[in-house]
Amino acid sequence: MTMPDLLTAFPMLTQEQSASVQAWAAIVQAVSSFVALIVAVGVPLWLAISDRKRQAREREQYMSVRKSQARSLAFKIAPDLSVLSREIETCREALETKRELMAEHPDRNYGRGVDYLEKPSLLLESLDRIYLLGSDVDLLVAEVLNRINSFNAISSDHERLDFELTQLEYFHETLQRTIRDRVESLLPRSESLAE
C-alpha cells in the first residue's frame, strides 16, 4: 500500500470523533493505571501473606517435632531417675543405720558407711538434648549431678553426708516433678500420665 492509499483508507476524523477517541483513550489509560496499581500492591501483599502462612506452618511443624523429641527424652531418662530414687533411699537408710550405730558405740569409726552414688548413665548421655525439656530442667539436672559429686566426695563426715543427701533428694524430687509436669503439658489433652 502506498501513502495515498493509507490516507483514503483512514479518512480524517471530525472534531467530535476526535474528542470521543480522546475520551476513550483517557478511560482506557485510567483503567489500565488502576489495574497496574492493584497488581503493584496486591501481588506483594499476596506473597507476604502466603509467606507468613508458610512460616506459621513450618513453626508449627518444628514445635510438634520438638515436643515429640522432648517427650521421648523425658521417657528415656525416667527409668534412670527412678533408679536414682531407689539409690538415694538406700543411702538414706544406710545413714540412719550408721547414725544408730554411732549412737550405740560412739567410740568406733564407721567410715563412710554408705555407698557412692552413680550418675544416671542415660541422663549423662542425654545432656546435650536436655534443653528440649526447658531451661529449668537443664538447671535442675546440673544441680542433681553436682549434688551427686558433692555426696560422693565426702569421706566420713556424717552430718555433711546427711546434708548433701537431703539436698540431693530435694533437687531430684523437684527434677522428677518438673519433668512429669513438662511431659503432661506436652501430651495432647486426650492423653494423660495420671490415667
C-alpha atoms as a PDB file:
ATOM      1  CA  MET A   1       0.000   0.000   0.000  1.00  0.00           C
ATOM      2  CA  THR A   2       1.198   3.411  -0.833  1.00  0.00           C
ATOM      3  CA  MET A   3       0.827   6.543   1.227  1.00  0.00           C
ATOM      4  CA  PRO A   4      -2.186   7.957  -0.670  1.00  0.00           C
ATOM      5  CA  ASP A   5      -3.969   4.614  -0.240  1.00  0.00           C
ATOM      6  CA  LEU A   6      -3.475   4.840   3.554  1.00  0.00           C
ATOM      7  CA  LEU A   7      -4.939   8.328   3.633  1.00  0.00           C
ATOM      8  CA  THR A   8      -8.026   7.179   1.791  1.00  0.00           C
ATOM      9  CA  ALA A   9      -8.295   4.041   3.952  1.00  0.00           C
ATOM     10  CA  PHE A  10      -8.291   6.113   7.185  1.00  0.00           C
ATOM     11  CA  PRO A  11     -10.195   9.285   6.470  1.00  0.00           C
ATOM     12  CA  MET A  12      -9.707  12.276   8.709  1.00  0.00           C
ATOM     13  CA  LEU A  13     -11.797  12.349  11.856  1.00  0.00           C
ATOM     14  CA  THR A  14     -14.101  15.131  12.657  1.00  0.00           C
ATOM     15  CA  GLN A  15     -13.569  17.189  15.764  1.00  0.00           C
ATOM     16  CA  GLU A  16     -16.372  15.375  17.589  1.00  0.00           C
ATOM     17  CA  GLN A  17     -14.974  11.988  16.662  1.00  0.00           C
ATOM     18  CA  SER A  18     -11.504  13.104  17.732  1.00  0.00           C
ATOM     19  CA  ALA A  19     -12.850  14.198  21.154  1.00  0.00           C
ATOM     20  CA  SER A  20     -14.638  10.865  21.549  1.00  0.00           C
ATOM     21  CA  VAL A  21     -11.471   8.945  20.731  1.00  0.00           C
ATOM     22  CA  GLN A  22      -9.517  11.040  23.231  1.00  0.00           C
ATOM     23  CA  ALA A  23     -12.151  10.381  25.908  1.00  0.00           C
ATOM     24  CA  TRP A  24     -11.929   6.652  25.282  1.00  0.00           C
ATOM     25  CA  ALA A  25      -8.150   6.836  25.396  1.00  0.00           C
ATOM     26  CA  ALA A  26      -8.332   8.592  28.771  1.00  0.00           C
ATOM     27  CA  ILE A  27     -10.743   5.944  30.115  1.00  0.00           C
ATOM     28  CA  VAL A  28      -8.519   3.108  28.899  1.00  0.00           C
ATOM     29  CA  GLN A  29      -5.468   4.799  30.447  1.00  0.00           C
ATOM     30  CA  ALA A  30      -7.307   5.289  33.776  1.00  0.00           C
ATOM     31  CA  VAL A  31      -8.474   1.661  33.864  1.00  0.00           C
ATOM     32  CA  SER A  32      -5.014   0.342  32.997  1.00  0.00           C
ATOM     33  CA  SER A  33      -3.450   2.565  35.687  1.00  0.00           C
ATOM     34  CA  PHE A  34      -5.954   1.214  38.217  1.00  0.00           C
ATOM     35  CA  VAL A  35      -5.188  -2.398  37.223  1.00  0.00           C
ATOM     36  CA  ALA A  36      -1.445  -1.684  37.425  1.00  0.00           C
ATOM     37  CA  LEU A  37      -1.921  -0.195  40.896  1.00  0.00           C
ATOM     38  CA  ILE A  38      -3.887  -3.240  42.059  1.00  0.00           C
ATOM     39  CA  VAL A  39      -1.209  -5.558  40.690  1.00  0.00           C
ATOM     40  CA  ALA A  40       1.613  -3.462  42.199  1.00  0.00           C
ATOM     41  CA  VAL A  41       0.003  -3.565  45.660  1.00  0.00           C
ATOM     42  CA  GLY A  42      -1.843  -6.882  45.519  1.00  0.00           C
ATOM     43  CA  VAL A  43       0.899  -9.215  44.329  1.00  0.00           C
ATOM     44  CA  PRO A  44       3.444  -8.287  47.051  1.00  0.00           C
ATOM     45  CA  LEU A  45       0.660  -8.361  49.639  1.00  0.00           C
ATOM     46  CA  TRP A  46      -0.457 -11.798  48.483  1.00  0.00           C
ATOM     47  CA  LEU A  47       3.175 -13.018  48.524  1.00  0.00           C
ATOM     48  CA  ALA A  48       3.692 -11.665  52.051  1.00  0.00           C
ATOM     49  CA  ILE A  49       0.501 -13.324  53.329  1.00  0.00           C
ATOM     50  CA  SER A  50       1.383 -16.669  51.760  1.00  0.00           C
ATOM     51  CA  ASP A  51       4.933 -16.395  53.164  1.00  0.00           C
ATOM     52  CA  ARG A  52       3.569 -15.777  56.675  1.00  0.00           C
ATOM     53  CA  LYS A  53       1.247 -18.758  56.356  1.00  0.00           C
ATOM     54  CA  ARG A  54       4.162 -20.918  55.229  1.00  0.00           C
ATOM     55  CA  GLN A  55       6.293 -19.718  58.145  1.00  0.00           C
ATOM     56  CA  ALA A  56       3.458 -20.443  60.576  1.00  0.00           C
ATOM     57  CA  ARG A  57       3.114 -23.977  59.192  1.00  0.00           C
ATOM     58  CA  GLU A  58       6.869 -24.521  59.455  1.00  0.00           C
ATOM     59  CA  ARG A  59       6.928 -23.165  63.018  1.00  0.00           C
ATOM     60  CA  GLU A  60       4.016 -25.414  63.975  1.00  0.00           C
ATOM     61  CA  GLN A  61       5.753 -28.429  62.438  1.00  0.00           C
ATOM     62  CA  TYR A  62       9.024 -27.534  64.197  1.00  0.00           C
ATOM     63  CA  MET A  63       7.263 -27.194  67.552  1.00  0.00           C
ATOM     64  CA  SER A  64       5.488 -30.502  67.010  1.00  0.00           C
ATOM     65  CA  VAL A  65       8.800 -32.248  66.312  1.00  0.00           C
ATOM     66  CA  ARG A  66      10.412 -30.528  69.295  1.00  0.00           C
ATOM     67  CA  LYS A  67       7.557 -31.590  71.601  1.00  0.00           C
ATOM     68  CA  SER A  68       7.885 -35.137  70.356  1.00  0.00           C
ATOM     69  CA  GLN A  69      11.635 -35.099  70.989  1.00  0.00           C
ATOM     70  CA  ALA A  70      11.105 -33.675  74.471  1.00  0.00           C
ATOM     71  CA  ARG A  71       8.544 -36.382  75.325  1.00  0.00           C
ATOM     72  CA  SER A  72      10.878 -39.088  74.036  1.00  0.00           C
ATOM     73  CA  LEU A  73      13.762 -37.686  76.049  1.00  0.00           C
ATOM     74  CA  ALA A  74      11.653 -37.496  79.221  1.00  0.00           C
ATOM     75  CA  PHE A  75      10.540 -41.096  78.809  1.00  0.00           C
ATOM     76  CA  LYS A  76      14.120 -42.136  78.074  1.00  0.00           C
ATOM     77  CA  ILE A  77      15.601 -40.686  81.277  1.00  0.00           C
ATOM     78  CA  ALA A  78      12.653 -41.543  83.569  1.00  0.00           C
ATOM     79  CA  PRO A  79      13.919 -45.069  84.416  1.00  0.00           C
ATOM     80  CA  ASP A  80      17.346 -43.663  85.358  1.00  0.00           C
ATOM     81  CA  LEU A  81      15.708 -41.155  87.681  1.00  0.00           C
ATOM     82  CA  SER A  82      13.699 -43.956  89.279  1.00  0.00           C
ATOM     83  CA  VAL A  83      16.876 -45.957  89.862  1.00  0.00           C
ATOM     84  CA  LEU A  84      18.481 -42.874  91.384  1.00  0.00           C
ATOM     85  CA  SER A  85      15.447 -42.545  93.683  1.00  0.00           C
ATOM     86  CA  ARG A  86      15.995 -46.069  94.963  1.00  0.00           C
ATOM     87  CA  GLU A  87      19.734 -45.427  95.410  1.00  0.00           C
ATOM     88  CA  ILE A  88      19.005 -42.254  97.361  1.00  0.00           C
ATOM     89  CA  GLU A  89      16.550 -44.146  99.559  1.00  0.00           C
ATOM     90  CA  THR A  90      19.139 -46.877 100.153  1.00  0.00           C
ATOM     91  CA  CYS A  91      21.718 -44.232 101.126  1.00  0.00           C
ATOM     92  CA  ARG A  92      19.174 -42.607 103.440  1.00  0.00           C
ATOM     93  CA  GLU A  93      18.555 -45.965 105.168  1.00  0.00           C
ATOM     94  CA  ALA A  94      22.298 -46.625 105.433  1.00  0.00           C
ATOM     95  CA  LEU A  95      22.835 -43.191 107.000  1.00  0.00           C
ATOM     96  CA  GLU A  96      20.082 -43.871 109.536  1.00  0.00           C
ATOM     97  CA  THR A  97      21.674 -47.224 110.376  1.00  0.00           C
ATOM     98  CA  LYS A  98      25.060 -45.525 110.735  1.00  0.00           C
ATOM     99  CA  ARG A  99      23.504 -42.870 112.991  1.00  0.00           C
ATOM    100  CA  GLU A 100      22.016 -45.575 115.226  1.00  0.00           C
ATOM    101  CA  LEU A 101      25.332 -47.457 115.402  1.00  0.00           C
ATOM    102  CA  MET A 102      27.212 -44.256 116.189  1.00  0.00           C
ATOM    103  CA  ALA A 103      24.734 -43.518 118.997  1.00  0.00           C
ATOM    104  CA  GLU A 104      25.263 -47.004 120.474  1.00  0.00           C
ATOM    105  CA  HIS A 105      29.055 -47.063 120.036  1.00  0.00           C
ATOM    106  CA  PRO A 106      30.405 -43.509 119.717  1.00  0.00           C
ATOM    107  CA  ASP A 107      33.996 -44.644 120.165  1.00  0.00           C
ATOM    108  CA  ARG A 108      34.081 -46.689 116.934  1.00  0.00           C
ATOM    109  CA  ASN A 109      34.951 -45.386 113.484  1.00  0.00           C
ATOM    110  CA  TYR A 110      32.378 -46.447 110.907  1.00  0.00           C
ATOM    111  CA  GLY A 111      33.988 -44.679 107.966  1.00  0.00           C
ATOM    112  CA  ARG A 112      31.719 -43.519 105.209  1.00  0.00           C
ATOM    113  CA  GLY A 113      29.061 -46.127 105.881  1.00  0.00           C
ATOM    114  CA  VAL A 114      27.172 -45.535 102.609  1.00  0.00           C
ATOM    115  CA  ASP A 115      27.735 -46.466  99.012  1.00  0.00           C
ATOM    116  CA  TYR A 116      28.755 -43.959  96.392  1.00  0.00           C
ATOM    117  CA  LEU A 117      26.011 -42.846  94.051  1.00  0.00           C
ATOM    118  CA  GLU A 118      26.377 -43.455  90.354  1.00  0.00           C
ATOM    119  CA  LYS A 119      25.366 -40.748  87.936  1.00  0.00           C
ATOM    120  CA  PRO A 120      22.452 -41.908  85.789  1.00  0.00           C
ATOM    121  CA  SER A 121      24.009 -43.100  82.534  1.00  0.00           C
ATOM    122  CA  LEU A 122      21.061 -42.276  80.247  1.00  0.00           C
ATOM    123  CA  LEU A 123      20.881 -38.830  81.774  1.00  0.00           C
ATOM    124  CA  LEU A 124      24.581 -38.291  81.088  1.00  0.00           C
ATOM    125  CA  GLU A 125      24.158 -39.497  77.503  1.00  0.00           C
ATOM    126  CA  SER A 126      21.282 -37.077  77.008  1.00  0.00           C
ATOM    127  CA  LEU A 127      22.874 -33.942  78.459  1.00  0.00           C
ATOM    128  CA  ASP A 128      23.216 -32.329  75.041  1.00  0.00           C
ATOM    129  CA  ARG A 129      19.440 -32.614  74.496  1.00  0.00           C
ATOM    130  CA  ILE A 130      18.148 -31.708  77.970  1.00  0.00           C
ATOM    131  CA  TYR A 131      17.432 -28.185  76.678  1.00  0.00           C
ATOM    132  CA  LEU A 132      14.408 -29.682  74.898  1.00  0.00           C
ATOM    133  CA  LEU A 133      12.714 -30.003  78.285  1.00  0.00           C
ATOM    134  CA  GLY A 134      13.364 -26.355  79.171  1.00  0.00           C
ATOM    135  CA  SER A 135      15.993 -24.274  80.888  1.00  0.00           C
ATOM    136  CA  ASP A 136      14.614 -25.026  84.353  1.00  0.00           C
ATOM    137  CA  VAL A 137      15.081 -28.766  83.779  1.00  0.00           C
ATOM    138  CA  ASP A 138      18.559 -28.084  82.432  1.00  0.00           C
ATOM    139  CA  LEU A 139      19.479 -26.266  85.655  1.00  0.00           C
ATOM    140  CA  LEU A 140      17.940 -28.980  87.839  1.00  0.00           C
ATOM    141  CA  VAL A 141      19.873 -31.720  86.030  1.00  0.00           C
ATOM    142  CA  ALA A 142      23.103 -29.790  86.561  1.00  0.00           C
ATOM    143  CA  GLU A 143      22.270 -29.360  90.248  1.00  0.00           C
ATOM    144  CA  VAL A 144      21.458 -33.071  90.707  1.00  0.00           C
ATOM    145  CA  LEU A 145      24.744 -34.052  89.070  1.00  0.00           C
ATOM    146  CA  ASN A 146      26.634 -31.536  91.234  1.00  0.00           C
ATOM    147  CA  ARG A 147      24.970 -32.891  94.372  1.00  0.00           C
ATOM    148  CA  ILE A 148      25.934 -36.442  93.408  1.00  0.00           C
ATOM    149  CA  ASN A 149      29.542 -35.259  93.003  1.00  0.00           C
ATOM    150  CA  SER A 150      29.433 -33.497  96.376  1.00  0.00           C
ATOM    151  CA  PHE A 151      27.898 -36.523  98.088  1.00  0.00           C
ATOM    152  CA  ASN A 152      30.498 -38.857  96.599  1.00  0.00           C
ATOM    153  CA  ALA A 153      33.364 -36.513  97.574  1.00  0.00           C
ATOM    154  CA  ILE A 154      32.612 -36.701 101.300  1.00  0.00           C
ATOM    155  CA  SER A 155      34.625 -39.358 103.086  1.00  0.00           C
ATOM    156  CA  SER A 156      33.198 -39.849 106.573  1.00  0.00           C
ATOM    157  CA  ASP A 157      31.545 -36.681 107.887  1.00  0.00           C
ATOM    158  CA  HIS A 158      28.099 -37.977 108.758  1.00  0.00           C
ATOM    159  CA  GLU A 159      26.470 -34.550 109.061  1.00  0.00           C
ATOM    160  CA  ARG A 160      27.758 -33.419 105.652  1.00  0.00           C
ATOM    161  CA  LEU A 161      26.664 -36.703 104.100  1.00  0.00           C
ATOM    162  CA  ASP A 162      23.219 -36.208 105.586  1.00  0.00           C
ATOM    163  CA  PHE A 163      23.077 -32.587 104.390  1.00  0.00           C
ATOM    164  CA  GLU A 164      24.218 -33.435 100.838  1.00  0.00           C
ATOM    165  CA  LEU A 165      21.794 -36.353 100.649  1.00  0.00           C
ATOM    166  CA  THR A 166      18.939 -34.095 101.779  1.00  0.00           C
ATOM    167  CA  GLN A 167      19.905 -31.547  99.127  1.00  0.00           C
ATOM    168  CA  LEU A 168      20.135 -34.288  96.504  1.00  0.00           C
ATOM    169  CA  GLU A 169      16.716 -35.632  97.491  1.00  0.00           C
ATOM    170  CA  TYR A 170      15.192 -32.181  97.147  1.00  0.00           C
ATOM    171  CA  PHE A 171      16.678 -31.436  93.728  1.00  0.00           C
ATOM    172  CA  HIS A 172      15.965 -34.951  92.492  1.00  0.00           C
ATOM    173  CA  GLU A 173      12.302 -34.778  93.531  1.00  0.00           C
ATOM    174  CA  THR A 174      11.989 -31.314  92.008  1.00  0.00           C
ATOM    175  CA  LEU A 175      13.554 -32.577  88.784  1.00  0.00           C
ATOM    176  CA  GLN A 176      11.187 -35.534  88.596  1.00  0.00           C
ATOM    177  CA  ARG A 177       8.149 -33.357  89.319  1.00  0.00           C
ATOM    178  CA  THR A 178       9.226 -30.747  86.757  1.00  0.00           C
ATOM    179  CA  ILE A 179       9.803 -33.364  84.060  1.00  0.00           C
ATOM    180  CA  ARG A 180       6.453 -35.010  84.842  1.00  0.00           C
ATOM    181  CA  ASP A 181       4.692 -31.637  84.616  1.00  0.00           C
ATOM    182  CA  ARG A 182       6.515 -30.790  81.396  1.00  0.00           C
ATOM    183  CA  VAL A 183       5.533 -34.110  79.809  1.00  0.00           C
ATOM    184  CA  GLU A 184       1.929 -33.552  80.932  1.00  0.00           C
ATOM    185  CA  SER A 185       1.951 -30.180  79.182  1.00  0.00           C
ATOM    186  CA  LEU A 186       3.400 -31.738  76.017  1.00  0.00           C
ATOM    187  CA  LEU A 187       0.834 -34.513  75.782  1.00  0.00           C
ATOM    188  CA  PRO A 188      -2.355 -33.961  73.802  1.00  0.00           C
ATOM    189  CA  ARG A 189      -5.359 -33.206  76.005  1.00  0.00           C
ATOM    190  CA  SER A 190      -6.840 -36.674  75.409  1.00  0.00           C
ATOM    191  CA  GLU A 191      -3.786 -38.408  76.897  1.00  0.00           C
ATOM    192  CA  SER A 192      -2.582 -38.116  80.459  1.00  0.00           C
ATOM    193  CA  LEU A 193       0.091 -39.705  82.620  1.00  0.00           C
ATOM    194  CA  ALA A 194      -2.353 -39.921  85.511  1.00  0.00           C
ATOM    195  CA  GLU A 195      -4.739 -42.206  83.591  1.00  0.00           C
END
